[in-house]
Amino acid sequence: NNMKMIYILSRHYGKAIRMTNLFTRITNQLVTRCRQVIYGSDKVSTIWGRDPGEVVKNLNEAIKLRDEYVKQFHAASEEVAKEGKKEKKM
């Protein structure tokens, strides 16, 4: 898992608060990119004038991305919490 490696190896991101900030940035970028794919360069109001098949395909891809990201986020969060507990015990 890349996020676990960043947490373990990085001096900068080796703290929980910095990992939180990193996840926030990643999340914001994913949302921005999904919006670009779903809406294109058009305004939101013109989405209904586009090909319904393509709109549905783009929405489904965004949903799959979100689901996978949530899984990875929870897995990495658990690892960060475990590592934090280990550091406190030492």
C-alpha atoms as a PDB file:
ATOM      1  CA  ASN A   1       0.000   0.000   0.000  1.00  0.00           C
ATOM      2  CA  ASN A   2       1.566   3.273  -1.144  1.00  0.00           C
ATOM      3  CA  MET A   3       0.051   5.385   1.617  1.00  0.00           C
ATOM      4  CA  LYS A   4       1.437   3.053   4.269  1.00  0.00           C
ATOM      5  CA  MET A   5       4.882   3.311   2.692  1.00  0.00           C
ATOM      6  CA  ILE A   6       4.672   7.100   2.669  1.00  0.00           C
ATOM      7  CA  TYR A   7       3.702   7.094   6.343  1.00  0.00           C
ATOM      8  CA  ILE A   8       6.471   4.701   7.359  1.00  0.00           C
ATOM      9  CA  LEU A   9       9.331   6.037   5.231  1.00  0.00           C
ATOM     10  CA  SER A  10       8.680   9.753   4.971  1.00  0.00           C
ATOM     11  CA  ARG A  11      10.069  12.132   7.546  1.00  0.00           C
ATOM     12  CA  HIS A  12       7.519  14.771   6.618  1.00  0.00           C
ATOM     13  CA  TYR A  13       4.430  12.556   6.371  1.00  0.00           C
ATOM     14  CA  GLY A  14       5.426  10.336   9.302  1.00  0.00           C
ATOM     15  CA  LYS A  15       2.932  12.073  11.582  1.00  0.00           C
ATOM     16  CA  ALA A  16      -0.815  11.478  11.662  1.00  0.00           C
ATOM     17  CA  ILE A  17      -1.748  15.151  11.159  1.00  0.00           C
ATOM     18  CA  ARG A  18       0.383  15.393   8.041  1.00  0.00           C
ATOM     19  CA  MET A  19      -1.136  12.202   6.652  1.00  0.00           C
ATOM     20  CA  THR A  20      -4.563  13.732   7.288  1.00  0.00           C
ATOM     21  CA  ASN A  21      -3.540  16.794   5.305  1.00  0.00           C
ATOM     22  CA  LEU A  22      -2.249  14.573   2.495  1.00  0.00           C
ATOM     23  CA  PHE A  23      -5.516  12.622   2.367  1.00  0.00           C
ATOM     24  CA  THR A  24      -7.427  15.901   2.276  1.00  0.00           C
ATOM     25  CA  ARG A  25      -5.414  17.084  -0.718  1.00  0.00           C
ATOM     26  CA  ILE A  26      -5.824  13.758  -2.502  1.00  0.00           C
ATOM     27  CA  THR A  27      -9.568  13.753  -1.830  1.00  0.00           C
ATOM     28  CA  ASN A  28      -9.956  17.292  -3.147  1.00  0.00           C
ATOM     29  CA  GLN A  29      -8.036  16.404  -6.290  1.00  0.00           C
ATOM     30  CA  LEU A  30     -10.155  13.297  -6.875  1.00  0.00           C
ATOM     31  CA  VAL A  31     -13.355  15.311  -6.504  1.00  0.00           C
ATOM     32  CA  THR A  32     -12.062  17.963  -8.895  1.00  0.00           C
ATOM     33  CA  ARG A  33     -11.058  15.350 -11.462  1.00  0.00           C
ATOM     34  CA  CYS A  34     -14.367  13.473 -11.212  1.00  0.00           C
ATOM     35  CA  ARG A  35     -16.262  16.715 -11.731  1.00  0.00           C
ATOM     36  CA  GLN A  36     -14.172  17.449 -14.821  1.00  0.00           C
ATOM     37  CA  VAL A  37     -14.885  13.991 -16.246  1.00  0.00           C
ATOM     38  CA  ILE A  38     -18.600  14.092 -15.447  1.00  0.00           C
ATOM     39  CA  TYR A  39     -19.307  17.647 -16.556  1.00  0.00           C
ATOM     40  CA  GLY A  40     -16.521  18.155 -19.073  1.00  0.00           C
ATOM     41  CA  SER A  41     -15.916  21.824 -19.723  1.00  0.00           C
ATOM     42  CA  ASP A  42     -19.670  22.415 -19.769  1.00  0.00           C
ATOM     43  CA  LYS A  43     -21.735  23.898 -17.014  1.00  0.00           C
ATOM     44  CA  VAL A  44     -23.710  21.575 -14.782  1.00  0.00           C
ATOM     45  CA  SER A  45     -26.995  22.609 -16.398  1.00  0.00           C
ATOM     46  CA  THR A  46     -25.862  21.303 -19.809  1.00  0.00           C
ATOM     47  CA  ILE A  47     -25.066  17.793 -18.568  1.00  0.00           C
ATOM     48  CA  TRP A  48     -28.610  16.686 -19.399  1.00  0.00           C
ATOM     49  CA  GLY A  49     -28.148  17.609 -23.042  1.00  0.00           C
ATOM     50  CA  ARG A  50     -25.243  15.202 -23.431  1.00  0.00           C
ATOM     51  CA  ASP A  51     -25.348  11.549 -24.452  1.00  0.00           C
ATOM     52  CA  PRO A  52     -27.012   9.677 -21.551  1.00  0.00           C
ATOM     53  CA  GLY A  53     -24.835   6.600 -22.057  1.00  0.00           C
ATOM     54  CA  GLU A  54     -21.662   8.605 -21.645  1.00  0.00           C
ATOM     55  CA  VAL A  55     -23.009  10.483 -18.627  1.00  0.00           C
ATOM     56  CA  VAL A  56     -23.964   7.208 -16.924  1.00  0.00           C
ATOM     57  CA  LYS A  57     -20.578   5.669 -17.789  1.00  0.00           C
ATOM     58  CA  ASN A  58     -18.743   8.656 -16.303  1.00  0.00           C
ATOM     59  CA  LEU A  59     -20.910   8.597 -13.173  1.00  0.00           C
ATOM     60  CA  ASN A  60     -20.295   4.871 -12.697  1.00  0.00           C
ATOM     61  CA  GLU A  61     -16.543   5.351 -13.055  1.00  0.00           C
ATOM     62  CA  ALA A  62     -16.632   8.133 -10.472  1.00  0.00           C
ATOM     63  CA  ILE A  63     -18.595   5.898  -8.085  1.00  0.00           C
ATOM     64  CA  LYS A  64     -16.096   3.043  -8.535  1.00  0.00           C
ATOM     65  CA  LEU A  65     -13.207   5.432  -7.882  1.00  0.00           C
ATOM     66  CA  ARG A  66     -14.899   6.715  -4.739  1.00  0.00           C
ATOM     67  CA  ASP A  67     -15.576   3.194  -3.445  1.00  0.00           C
ATOM     68  CA  GLU A  68     -11.984   2.100  -3.985  1.00  0.00           C
ATOM     69  CA  TYR A  69     -10.630   5.299  -2.444  1.00  0.00           C
ATOM     70  CA  VAL A  70     -12.781   4.831   0.666  1.00  0.00           C
ATOM     71  CA  LYS A  71     -11.439   1.277   1.068  1.00  0.00           C
ATOM     72  CA  GLN A  72      -7.852   2.468   0.735  1.00  0.00           C
ATOM     73  CA  PHE A  73      -8.460   5.416   3.040  1.00  0.00           C
ATOM     74  CA  HIS A  74      -9.847   3.199   5.810  1.00  0.00           C
ATOM     75  CA  ALA A  75      -7.026   0.686   5.431  1.00  0.00           C
ATOM     76  CA  ALA A  76      -4.387   3.414   5.605  1.00  0.00           C
ATOM     77  CA  SER A  77      -6.149   5.107   8.526  1.00  0.00           C
ATOM     78  CA  GLU A  78      -6.110   1.859  10.480  1.00  0.00           C
ATOM     79  CA  GLU A  79      -2.397   1.445   9.793  1.00  0.00           C
ATOM     80  CA  VAL A  80      -1.663   5.002  10.914  1.00  0.00           C
ATOM     81  CA  ALA A  81      -3.658   4.413  14.108  1.00  0.00           C
ATOM     82  CA  LYS A  82      -1.788   1.155  14.792  1.00  0.00           C
ATOM     83  CA  GLU A  83       1.583   2.804  14.209  1.00  0.00           C
ATOM     84  CA  GLY A  84       0.613   5.703  16.460  1.00  0.00           C
ATOM     85  CA  LYS A  85      -0.272   3.298  19.279  1.00  0.00           C
ATOM     86  CA  LYS A  86       3.026   1.467  18.837  1.00  0.00           C
ATOM     87  CA  GLU A  87       4.979   4.745  19.058  1.00  0.00           C
ATOM     88  CA  LYS A  88       3.206   5.721  22.294  1.00  0.00           C
ATOM     89  CA  LYS A  89       4.024   2.333  23.896  1.00  0.00           C
ATOM     90  CA  MET A  90       7.727   2.701  23.150  1.00  0.00           C
END
